[in-house]
C-alpha atoms as a PDB file:
ATOM      1  CA  MET A   1       4.407  12.783  -1.087  1.00  0.00           C
ATOM      2  CA  LEU A   2       6.766  11.950   1.837  1.00  0.00           C
ATOM      3  CA  ASN A   3       8.455  15.069   3.212  1.00  0.00           C
ATOM      4  CA  LYS A   4      12.228  15.301   3.377  1.00  0.00           C
ATOM      5  CA  ARG A   5      12.474  14.960   7.147  1.00  0.00           C
ATOM      6  CA  SER A   6      10.413  11.753   7.163  1.00  0.00           C
ATOM      7  CA  ILE A   7      12.386  10.394   4.224  1.00  0.00           C
ATOM      8  CA  VAL A   8      15.722  10.980   5.942  1.00  0.00           C
ATOM      9  CA  ALA A   9      14.450   9.372   9.149  1.00  0.00           C
ATOM     10  CA  LEU A  10      13.103   6.397   7.228  1.00  0.00           C
ATOM     11  CA  LEU A  11      16.386   5.884   5.411  1.00  0.00           C
ATOM     12  CA  LEU A  12      18.280   5.994   8.711  1.00  0.00           C
ATOM     13  CA  ILE A  13      15.927   3.466  10.272  1.00  0.00           C
ATOM     14  CA  MET A  14      16.166   1.151   7.301  1.00  0.00           C
ATOM     15  CA  ALA A  15      19.938   1.461   7.226  1.00  0.00           C
ATOM     16  CA  LEU A  16      20.078   0.331  10.853  1.00  0.00           C
ATOM     17  CA  ALA A  17      17.422  -2.343  10.484  1.00  0.00           C
ATOM     18  CA  TRP A  18      18.463  -4.101   7.298  1.00  0.00           C
ATOM     19  CA  SER A  19      21.617  -5.916   6.334  1.00  0.00           C
ATOM     20  CA  THR A  20      23.262  -4.654   3.163  1.00  0.00           C
ATOM     21  CA  SER A  21      23.312  -8.173   1.792  1.00  0.00           C
ATOM     22  CA  SER A  22      19.815  -9.426   2.618  1.00  0.00           C
ATOM     23  CA  VAL A  23      16.461  -8.062   3.667  1.00  0.00           C
ATOM     24  CA  SER A  24      16.083 -11.107   5.945  1.00  0.00           C
ATOM     25  CA  ALA A  25      18.503  -9.480   8.389  1.00  0.00           C
ATOM     26  CA  GLN A  26      15.809  -7.267   9.930  1.00  0.00           C
ATOM     27  CA  THR A  27      14.827  -7.840  13.546  1.00  0.00           C
ATOM     28  CA  PRO A  28      11.050  -8.264  13.891  1.00  0.00           C
ATOM     29  CA  GLY A  29       9.091  -5.973  16.175  1.00  0.00           C
ATOM     30  CA  ILE A  30       5.786  -6.582  17.932  1.00  0.00           C
ATOM     31  CA  THR A  31       2.548  -5.095  16.623  1.00  0.00           C
ATOM     32  CA  THR A  32      -1.181  -5.547  17.182  1.00  0.00           C
ATOM     33  CA  VAL A  33      -3.642  -6.349  14.404  1.00  0.00           C
ATOM     34  CA  TYR A  34      -7.380  -6.270  15.094  1.00  0.00           C
ATOM     35  CA  ILE A  35      -9.530  -9.056  13.644  1.00  0.00           C
ATOM     36  CA  ASN A  36     -13.230  -8.200  13.875  1.00  0.00           C
ATOM     37  CA  ASP A  37     -12.282  -5.736  16.661  1.00  0.00           C
ATOM     38  CA  GLN A  38     -10.347  -8.374  18.616  1.00  0.00           C
ATOM     39  CA  PRO A  39      -6.641  -7.535  19.182  1.00  0.00           C
ATOM     40  CA  VAL A  40      -4.084 -10.117  18.080  1.00  0.00           C
ATOM     41  CA  LYS A  41      -0.385  -9.537  18.746  1.00  0.00           C
ATOM     42  CA  THR A  42       2.112 -10.610  16.111  1.00  0.00           C
ATOM     43  CA  THR A  43       5.666  -9.989  15.009  1.00  0.00           C
ATOM     44  CA  ALA A  44       6.145  -7.717  11.997  1.00  0.00           C
ATOM     45  CA  ILE A  45       8.848  -6.247   9.782  1.00  0.00           C
ATOM     46  CA  LEU A  46       8.820  -3.266   7.449  1.00  0.00           C
ATOM     47  CA  GLN A  47       9.968  -3.301   3.825  1.00  0.00           C
ATOM     48  CA  ASN A  48       9.660  -0.403   1.379  1.00  0.00           C
ATOM     49  CA  GLY A  49       7.006   1.129   3.610  1.00  0.00           C
ATOM     50  CA  TYR A  50       4.916  -2.070   3.757  1.00  0.00           C
ATOM     51  CA  GLN A  51       4.210  -4.077   6.887  1.00  0.00           C
ATOM     52  CA  LEU A  52       4.898  -7.818   6.630  1.00  0.00           C
ATOM     53  CA  ILE A  53       3.644 -10.349   9.173  1.00  0.00           C
ATOM     54  CA  PRO A  54       4.062 -14.127   9.489  1.00  0.00           C
ATOM     55  CA  ALA A  55       1.997 -16.122   7.007  1.00  0.00           C
ATOM     56  CA  SER A  56       0.877 -18.250   9.945  1.00  0.00           C
ATOM     57  CA  PHE A  57      -0.994 -15.216  11.323  1.00  0.00           C
ATOM     58  CA  PHE A  58      -3.762 -15.904   8.804  1.00  0.00           C
ATOM     59  CA  ARG A  59      -4.671 -19.116  10.619  1.00  0.00           C
ATOM     60  CA  ASN A  60      -6.477 -16.690  12.946  1.00  0.00           C
ATOM     61  CA  VAL A  61      -8.998 -16.146  10.146  1.00  0.00           C
ATOM     62  CA  ASN A  62      -9.341 -19.833   9.284  1.00  0.00           C
ATOM     63  CA  ALA A  63      -6.915 -19.916   6.375  1.00  0.00           C
ATOM     64  CA  SER A  64      -4.718 -22.992   6.129  1.00  0.00           C
ATOM     65  CA  VAL A  65      -1.000 -22.242   5.883  1.00  0.00           C
ATOM     66  CA  VAL A  66       1.507 -24.825   4.665  1.00  0.00           C
ATOM     67  CA  TRP A  67       5.105 -24.822   3.472  1.00  0.00           C
ATOM     68  CA  ASN A  68       5.913 -26.128  -0.013  1.00  0.00           C
ATOM     69  CA  ALA A  69       9.552 -27.107   0.481  1.00  0.00           C
ATOM     70  CA  PRO A  70      10.432 -28.014  -3.155  1.00  0.00           C
ATOM     71  CA  GLN A  71       9.133 -24.641  -4.373  1.00  0.00           C
ATOM     72  CA  ARG A  72      10.263 -22.704  -1.285  1.00  0.00           C
ATOM     73  CA  THR A  73       6.786 -21.209  -1.162  1.00  0.00           C
ATOM     74  CA  ALA A  74       4.356 -20.438   1.657  1.00  0.00           C
ATOM     75  CA  MET A  75       0.862 -21.515   0.617  1.00  0.00           C
ATOM     76  CA  LEU A  76      -2.302 -19.962   2.080  1.00  0.00           C
ATOM     77  CA  LYS A  77      -5.689 -21.467   1.305  1.00  0.00           C
ATOM     78  CA  THR A  78      -9.323 -20.635   1.946  1.00  0.00           C
ATOM     79  CA  PRO A  79     -12.414 -22.219   0.385  1.00  0.00           C
ATOM     80  CA  ALA A  80     -12.266 -19.565  -2.360  1.00  0.00           C
ATOM     81  CA  MET A  81      -8.558 -18.887  -2.853  1.00  0.00           C
ATOM     82  CA  GLU A  82      -5.106 -20.469  -2.976  1.00  0.00           C
ATOM     83  CA  LEU A  83      -2.242 -18.008  -2.631  1.00  0.00           C
ATOM     84  CA  GLY A  84       1.478 -18.751  -2.885  1.00  0.00           C
ATOM     85  CA  PHE A  85       4.416 -16.578  -1.737  1.00  0.00           C
ATOM     86  CA  PRO A  86       7.782 -17.722  -3.177  1.00  0.00           C
ATOM     87  CA  ILE A  87      10.627 -16.768  -0.847  1.00  0.00           C
ATOM     88  CA  GLY A  88      12.717 -13.829  -2.046  1.00  0.00           C
ATOM     89  CA  GLU A  89      10.432 -13.029  -4.981  1.00  0.00           C
ATOM     90  CA  ARG A  90       8.453  -9.888  -5.861  1.00  0.00           C
ATOM     91  CA  TYR A  91       5.320 -11.731  -6.973  1.00  0.00           C
ATOM     92  CA  THR A  92       2.616 -14.094  -5.781  1.00  0.00           C
ATOM     93  CA  GLN A  93       0.793 -16.899  -7.561  1.00  0.00           C
ATOM     94  CA  TYR A  94      -2.884 -17.537  -6.970  1.00  0.00           C
ATOM     95  CA  ARG A  95      -5.981 -19.307  -8.222  1.00  0.00           C
ATOM     96  CA  ARG A  96      -9.577 -18.814  -7.202  1.00  0.00           C
ATOM     97  CA  SER A  97     -10.618 -22.471  -7.343  1.00  0.00           C
ATOM     98  CA  ALA A  98      -8.891 -25.824  -7.536  1.00  0.00           C
ATOM     99  CA  SER A  99      -9.892 -26.187 -11.179  1.00  0.00           C
ATOM    100  CA  ALA A 100      -8.732 -22.719 -12.267  1.00  0.00           C
ATOM    101  CA  GLY A 101      -5.356 -21.897 -13.764  1.00  0.00           C
ATOM    102  CA  TRP A 102      -2.706 -20.119 -11.741  1.00  0.00           C
ATOM    103  CA  GLN A 103      -2.293 -16.353 -12.140  1.00  0.00           C
ATOM    104  CA  GLN A 104       0.380 -13.962 -10.909  1.00  0.00           C
ATOM    105  CA  ASP A 105       0.439 -10.613  -9.093  1.00  0.00           C
ATOM    106  CA  SER A 106       3.513  -8.381  -8.986  1.00  0.00           C
ATOM    107  CA  LEU A 107       4.539  -6.954  -5.612  1.00  0.00           C
ATOM    108  CA  GLN A 108       6.655  -3.955  -4.675  1.00  0.00           C
ATOM    109  CA  LEU A 109       8.488  -6.025  -2.051  1.00  0.00           C
ATOM    110  CA  ARG A 110       9.946  -9.469  -1.522  1.00  0.00           C
ATOM    111  CA  THR A 111       8.578 -12.313   0.578  1.00  0.00           C
ATOM    112  CA  VAL A 112      11.005 -12.814   3.476  1.00  0.00           C
ATOM    113  CA  LEU A 113      12.093 -15.998   5.259  1.00  0.00           C
ATOM    114  CA  LEU A 114      13.452 -14.989   8.663  1.00  0.00           C
ATOM    115  CA  ASN A 115      14.441 -17.447  11.397  1.00  0.00           C
ATOM    116  CA  GLY A 116      12.205 -20.106   9.855  1.00  0.00           C
ATOM    117  CA  THR A 117       9.191 -17.780   9.573  1.00  0.00           C
ATOM    118  CA  THR A 118       7.769 -16.573   6.259  1.00  0.00           C
ATOM    119  CA  TYR A 119       6.755 -12.902   6.303  1.00  0.00           C
ATOM    120  CA  VAL A 120       4.089 -11.755   3.817  1.00  0.00           C
ATOM    121  CA  PRO A 121       2.476  -8.311   3.224  1.00  0.00           C
ATOM    122  CA  LEU A 122      -0.397  -7.820   5.645  1.00  0.00           C
ATOM    123  CA  ALA A 123      -2.794  -5.648   3.624  1.00  0.00           C
ATOM    124  CA  TYR A 124      -2.260  -7.366   0.269  1.00  0.00           C
ATOM    125  CA  THR A 125      -2.704 -10.857   1.731  1.00  0.00           C
ATOM    126  CA  ALA A 126      -5.835 -10.005   3.694  1.00  0.00           C
ATOM    127  CA  ARG A 127      -7.498  -8.336   0.698  1.00  0.00           C
ATOM    128  CA  LYS A 128      -6.477 -11.133  -1.657  1.00  0.00           C
ATOM    129  CA  LEU A 129      -8.110 -13.629   0.680  1.00  0.00           C
ATOM    130  CA  GLY A 130     -11.306 -11.573   0.520  1.00  0.00           C
ATOM    131  CA  MET A 131     -11.179  -9.557   3.724  1.00  0.00           C
ATOM    132  CA  ALA A 132     -11.621  -5.847   4.322  1.00  0.00           C
ATOM    133  CA  VAL A 133      -8.616  -3.946   5.704  1.00  0.00           C
ATOM    134  CA  GLN A 134      -8.315  -0.433   7.015  1.00  0.00           C
ATOM    135  CA  TYR A 135      -5.951   1.508   9.254  1.00  0.00           C
ATOM    136  CA  ASP A 136      -7.271   2.930  12.534  1.00  0.00           C
ATOM    137  CA  THR A 137      -5.332   6.099  13.353  1.00  0.00           C
ATOM    138  CA  GLN A 138      -6.476   6.099  17.002  1.00  0.00           C
ATOM    139  CA  LYS A 139      -5.493   2.496  17.656  1.00  0.00           C
ATOM    140  CA  ARG A 140      -2.503   2.859  15.335  1.00  0.00           C
ATOM    141  CA  ALA A 141      -3.239  -0.599  14.036  1.00  0.00           C
ATOM    142  CA  ALA A 142      -4.556  -2.453  11.016  1.00  0.00           C
ATOM    143  CA  ILE A 143      -8.173  -3.555  11.293  1.00  0.00           C
ATOM    144  CA  ILE A 144      -9.222  -6.724   9.454  1.00  0.00           C
ATOM    145  CA  SER A 145     -12.888  -7.557   8.950  1.00  0.00           C
ATOM    146  CA  THR A 146     -13.925 -11.037   7.878  1.00  0.00           C
ATOM    147  CA  GLY A 147     -17.661 -10.293   7.844  1.00  0.00           C
ATOM    148  CA  ASP A 148     -19.330 -12.287  10.667  1.00  0.00           C
ATOM    149  CA  GLY A 149     -16.480 -14.760  10.687  1.00  0.00           C
ATOM    150  CA  ASN A 150     -16.659 -15.463   6.966  1.00  0.00           C
ATOM    151  CA  PHE A 151     -14.570 -14.130   4.113  1.00  0.00           C
ATOM    152  CA  VAL A 152     -16.114 -11.147   2.372  1.00  0.00           C
ATOM    153  CA  SER A 153     -15.697  -9.912  -1.161  1.00  0.00           C
ATOM    154  CA  MET A 154     -14.550  -6.370  -1.858  1.00  0.00           C
ATOM    155  CA  ALA A 155     -17.185  -4.993  -4.189  1.00  0.00           C
ATOM    156  CA  LYS A 156     -16.019  -2.101  -6.361  1.00  0.00           C
ATOM    157  CA  GLN A 157     -18.043   1.066  -5.996  1.00  0.00           C
ATOM    158  CA  ASP A 158     -19.630   2.702  -9.022  1.00  0.00           C
ATOM    159  CA  GLY A 159     -17.950   5.990  -8.167  1.00  0.00           C
ATOM    160  CA  PRO A 160     -16.472   8.001  -5.298  1.00  0.00           C
ATOM    161  CA  THR A 161     -18.643   9.179  -2.449  1.00  0.00           C
ATOM    162  CA  SER A 162     -18.984  12.899  -1.834  1.00  0.00           C
ATOM    163  CA  GLU A 163     -16.479  12.601   1.025  1.00  0.00           C
ATOM    164  CA  GLU A 164     -13.959  10.760  -1.163  1.00  0.00           C
ATOM    165  CA  LEU A 165     -14.387  13.346  -3.899  1.00  0.00           C
ATOM    166  CA  HIS A 166     -13.798  16.145  -1.393  1.00  0.00           C
ATOM    167  CA  TRP A 167     -10.473  14.701  -0.252  1.00  0.00           C
ATOM    168  CA  LEU A 168      -9.385  13.890  -3.791  1.00  0.00           C
ATOM    169  CA  TYR A 169      -9.953  17.560  -4.668  1.00  0.00           C
ATOM    170  CA  GLN A 170      -8.019  18.646  -1.567  1.00  0.00           C
ATOM    171  CA  ILE A 171      -4.964  16.428  -2.080  1.00  0.00           C
ATOM    172  CA  THR A 172      -4.758  17.233  -5.792  1.00  0.00           C
ATOM    173  CA  GLU A 173      -4.840  20.964  -5.073  1.00  0.00           C
ATOM    174  CA  ALA A 174      -2.297  20.604  -2.244  1.00  0.00           C
ATOM    175  CA  GLU A 175       0.100  18.555  -4.371  1.00  0.00           C
ATOM    176  CA  ALA A 176      -0.360  20.213  -7.768  1.00  0.00           C
ATOM    177  CA  GLY A 177      -2.095  23.565  -7.251  1.00  0.00           C
ATOM    178  CA  GLY A 178       0.725  25.392  -8.994  1.00  0.00           C
ATOM    179  CA  GLU A 179       1.173  22.801 -11.752  1.00  0.00           C
ATOM    180  CA  SER A 180      -0.398  22.544 -15.202  1.00  0.00           C
ATOM    181  CA  TYR A 181      -3.840  21.107 -15.823  1.00  0.00           C
ATOM    182  CA  THR A 182      -2.263  17.922 -17.231  1.00  0.00           C
ATOM    183  CA  SER A 183      -0.113  17.541 -14.126  1.00  0.00           C
ATOM    184  CA  LYS A 184      -3.187  17.859 -11.938  1.00  0.00           C
ATOM    185  CA  VAL A 185      -4.949  15.121 -13.898  1.00  0.00           C
ATOM    186  CA  ALA A 186      -1.834  12.966 -13.528  1.00  0.00           C
ATOM    187  CA  VAL A 187      -1.659  13.458  -9.751  1.00  0.00           C
ATOM    188  CA  ALA A 188      -5.310  12.489  -9.325  1.00  0.00           C
ATOM    189  CA  ALA A 189      -4.897   9.534 -11.685  1.00  0.00           C
ATOM    190  CA  SER A 190      -1.855   8.238  -9.809  1.00  0.00           C
ATOM    191  CA  ILE A 191      -3.863   8.217  -6.577  1.00  0.00           C
ATOM    192  CA  LEU A 192      -6.663   6.304  -8.301  1.00  0.00           C
ATOM    193  CA  ASN A 193      -4.034   3.886  -9.625  1.00  0.00           C
ATOM    194  CA  ARG A 194      -2.985   3.210  -6.050  1.00  0.00           C
ATOM    195  CA  VAL A 195      -6.570   2.483  -5.069  1.00  0.00           C
ATOM    196  CA  ALA A 196      -6.803  -0.035  -7.915  1.00  0.00           C
ATOM    197  CA  SER A 197      -3.493  -1.695  -6.990  1.00  0.00           C
ATOM    198  CA  PRO A 198      -3.444  -4.633  -4.533  1.00  0.00           C
ATOM    199  CA  GLU A 199      -0.326  -3.101  -2.966  1.00  0.00           C
ATOM    200  CA  TRP A 200      -2.137  -0.071  -1.544  1.00  0.00           C
ATOM    201  CA  PRO A 201      -5.343   0.642   0.397  1.00  0.00           C
ATOM    202  CA  ASN A 202      -8.463   0.028  -1.696  1.00  0.00           C
ATOM    203  CA  SER A 203     -10.300   3.270  -0.957  1.00  0.00           C
ATOM    204  CA  ILE A 204      -9.516   6.864  -1.857  1.00  0.00           C
ATOM    205  CA  ILE A 205      -9.570   8.128   1.716  1.00  0.00           C
ATOM    206  CA  GLU A 206      -7.435   5.289   3.085  1.00  0.00           C
ATOM    207  CA  THR A 207      -4.924   5.833   0.291  1.00  0.00           C
ATOM    208  CA  ILE A 208      -4.637   9.578   0.841  1.00  0.00           C
ATOM    209  CA  PHE A 209      -4.363   9.320   4.630  1.00  0.00           C
ATOM    210  CA  GLN A 210      -2.281   6.147   4.791  1.00  0.00           C
ATOM    211  CA  VAL A 211       0.307   6.321   7.559  1.00  0.00           C
ATOM    212  CA  ASP A 212       2.849   3.603   8.316  1.00  0.00           C
ATOM    213  CA  TYR A 213       4.171   3.334  11.865  1.00  0.00           C
ATOM    214  CA  TYR A 214       7.591   1.960  12.653  1.00  0.00           C
ATOM    215  CA  HIS A 215       9.233   2.067  16.078  1.00  0.00           C
ATOM    216  CA  GLY A 216       6.585   4.551  17.163  1.00  0.00           C
ATOM    217  CA  LYS A 217       7.242   6.983  14.305  1.00  0.00           C
ATOM    218  CA  ALA A 218       4.700   7.887  11.625  1.00  0.00           C
ATOM    219  CA  TYR A 219       5.528   7.955   7.912  1.00  0.00           C
ATOM    220  CA  TYR A 220       3.026   9.761   5.691  1.00  0.00           C
ATOM    221  CA  GLN A 221       2.512   8.922   2.012  1.00  0.00           C
ATOM    222  CA  TYR A 222       1.620  12.509   1.073  1.00  0.00           C
ATOM    223  CA  SER A 223       3.367  15.490   2.668  1.00  0.00           C
ATOM    224  CA  PRO A 224       0.241  17.743   2.594  1.00  0.00           C
ATOM    225  CA  VAL A 225      -1.358  15.307   5.058  1.00  0.00           C
ATOM    226  CA  LEU A 226       1.638  15.623   7.374  1.00  0.00           C
ATOM    227  CA  ASP A 227       1.965  19.402   7.224  1.00  0.00           C
ATOM    228  CA  LYS A 228      -1.839  19.914   7.204  1.00  0.00           C
ATOM    229  CA  ARG A 229      -1.948  21.764   3.867  1.00  0.00           C
ATOM    230  CA  ILE A 230      -4.626  19.315   2.747  1.00  0.00           C
ATOM    231  CA  TYR A 231      -6.995  21.019   5.207  1.00  0.00           C
ATOM    232  CA  GLN A 232      -6.031  24.556   4.217  1.00  0.00           C
ATOM    233  CA  VAL A 233      -6.159  24.675   0.423  1.00  0.00           C
ATOM    234  CA  LYS A 234      -9.197  25.668  -1.593  1.00  0.00           C
ATOM    235  CA  PRO A 235      -9.443  23.603  -4.807  1.00  0.00           C
ATOM    236  CA  SER A 236      -9.777  25.668  -7.958  1.00  0.00           C
ATOM    237  CA  GLN A 237     -12.345  24.900 -10.629  1.00  0.00           C
ATOM    238  CA  GLU A 238      -9.470  23.729 -12.821  1.00  0.00           C
ATOM    239  CA  THR A 239      -8.376  21.255 -10.142  1.00  0.00           C
ATOM    240  CA  LYS A 240     -11.916  19.939  -9.846  1.00  0.00           C
ATOM    241  CA  ARG A 241     -12.148  19.481 -13.623  1.00  0.00           C
ATOM    242  CA  ALA A 242      -8.807  17.694 -13.597  1.00  0.00           C
ATOM    243  CA  VAL A 243      -9.972  15.286 -10.893  1.00  0.00           C
ATOM    244  CA  GLN A 244     -13.162  14.561 -12.809  1.00  0.00           C
ATOM    245  CA  GLU A 245     -11.150  13.871 -15.940  1.00  0.00           C
ATOM    246  CA  ALA A 246      -9.001  11.393 -14.011  1.00  0.00           C
ATOM    247  CA  LEU A 247     -12.139   9.731 -12.667  1.00  0.00           C
ATOM    248  CA  ASN A 248     -13.359   9.416 -16.244  1.00  0.00           C
ATOM    249  CA  GLY A 249     -10.258   7.393 -17.105  1.00  0.00           C
ATOM    250  CA  THR A 250      -7.711   9.915 -18.418  1.00  0.00           C
ATOM    251  CA  ASP A 251      -4.250   9.070 -17.093  1.00  0.00           C
ATOM    252  CA  PRO A 252      -1.337  11.325 -18.128  1.00  0.00           C
ATOM    253  CA  SER A 253       0.733   9.586 -15.413  1.00  0.00           C
ATOM    254  CA  ARG A 254       0.776   6.465 -17.606  1.00  0.00           C
ATOM    255  CA  GLY A 255      -0.130   4.081 -14.831  1.00  0.00           C
ATOM    256  CA  ALA A 256       2.032   5.653 -12.120  1.00  0.00           C
ATOM    257  CA  THR A 257       1.382   4.932  -8.447  1.00  0.00           C
ATOM    258  CA  VAL A 258       3.999   7.351  -7.080  1.00  0.00           C
ATOM    259  CA  PHE A 259       5.171  10.842  -7.933  1.00  0.00           C
ATOM    260  CA  TYR A 260       7.820  13.120  -6.490  1.00  0.00           C
ATOM    261  CA  ASN A 261       9.674  16.376  -6.977  1.00  0.00           C
ATOM    262  CA  PRO A 262      13.317  15.396  -7.602  1.00  0.00           C
ATOM    263  CA  LYS A 263      14.455  18.723  -6.118  1.00  0.00           C
ATOM    264  CA  LYS A 264      12.727  17.981  -2.816  1.00  0.00           C
ATOM    265  CA  THR A 265      13.325  14.284  -2.177  1.00  0.00           C
ATOM    266  CA  ASP A 266      16.350  12.036  -1.965  1.00  0.00           C
ATOM    267  CA  ASN A 267      14.299   8.931  -1.166  1.00  0.00           C
ATOM    268  CA  GLU A 268      16.206   6.090  -2.765  1.00  0.00           C
ATOM    269  CA  TRP A 269      13.222   3.769  -3.014  1.00  0.00           C
ATOM    270  CA  VAL A 270      10.949   6.192  -4.871  1.00  0.00           C
ATOM    271  CA  ARG A 271      13.817   7.235  -7.142  1.00  0.00           C
ATOM    272  CA  SER A 272      14.428   3.569  -7.994  1.00  0.00           C
ATOM    273  CA  ARG A 273      10.919   3.069  -9.368  1.00  0.00           C
ATOM    274  CA  PRO A 274      10.504   2.878 -13.172  1.00  0.00           C
ATOM    275  CA  VAL A 275       9.697   6.378 -14.453  1.00  0.00           C
ATOM    276  CA  THR A 276       6.579   6.658 -16.588  1.00  0.00           C
ATOM    277  CA  VAL A 277       6.581  10.382 -17.394  1.00  0.00           C
ATOM    278  CA  ARG A 278       7.849  13.792 -16.218  1.00  0.00           C
ATOM    279  CA  LEU A 279       5.306  16.601 -15.970  1.00  0.00           C
ATOM    280  CA  GLY A 280       6.247  20.007 -14.625  1.00  0.00           C
ATOM    281  CA  ASN A 281       8.033  19.624 -11.296  1.00  0.00           C
ATOM    282  CA  HIS A 282       6.894  16.043 -10.797  1.00  0.00           C
ATOM    283  CA  VAL A 283       8.357  12.721 -11.821  1.00  0.00           C
ATOM    284  CA  PHE A 284       5.761   9.935 -12.059  1.00  0.00           C
ATOM    285  CA  ALA A 285       6.724   6.296 -11.582  1.00  0.00           C
ATOM    286  CA  LYS A 286       5.342   2.810 -10.945  1.00  0.00           C
END
């Protein structure tokens, strides 16, 4: 997970950037998002490690964006999806057609209204509207693909590719090589839970190597990626069996999407997450 140095730096940045009374006190920065390889500059803010951009940005991909004043909700609409972001709330409401009933997704952040602009999570919103999103480490920017100008569906793969499996073995060994078999299964399962969650990248490799940039500084989700241990370890046969068991649906983490060693992190955000289980040196949480 995040190493201590990055965590301390992140906490200092957030302490300077956010008001103690309201997340809307952050000053937006400028970032570039690529749409079908074309750069588009936009303002952005960071909350709990997630990048938020103005809802109006999605007009660049032919989504309509309107403000529902009575409900204090930003509404985004495409031919296939209506998506609402209530200000200050940790959820969205959506429906896939005008005749369908409304459903709700939980978020790990709040929609922000700042200087008359509604900020919504970039990756979640793009994927919910049916677009592909990835992070380009060379460009240091999010890449959105609409598929020849049209919205594309994100088809779920039948199973991991050989490359995905390789990196899942590596990160599980790097994070839990000295832990019990059950802990190894839990670590792998928590990563797969992230992949399945709309709040995180939707591929194994993107999830493992996800890096958030803020004010030119990189924040890694998993410390073995930062300190390069992921490239150095050799997964044991037990680790490989544990990963396969997680892929088969076993989840000792009980639905966790984060885990941490309480002796090695003082990250307030991760410690605030609801704990699902404690296994060995790791605490697992949602």
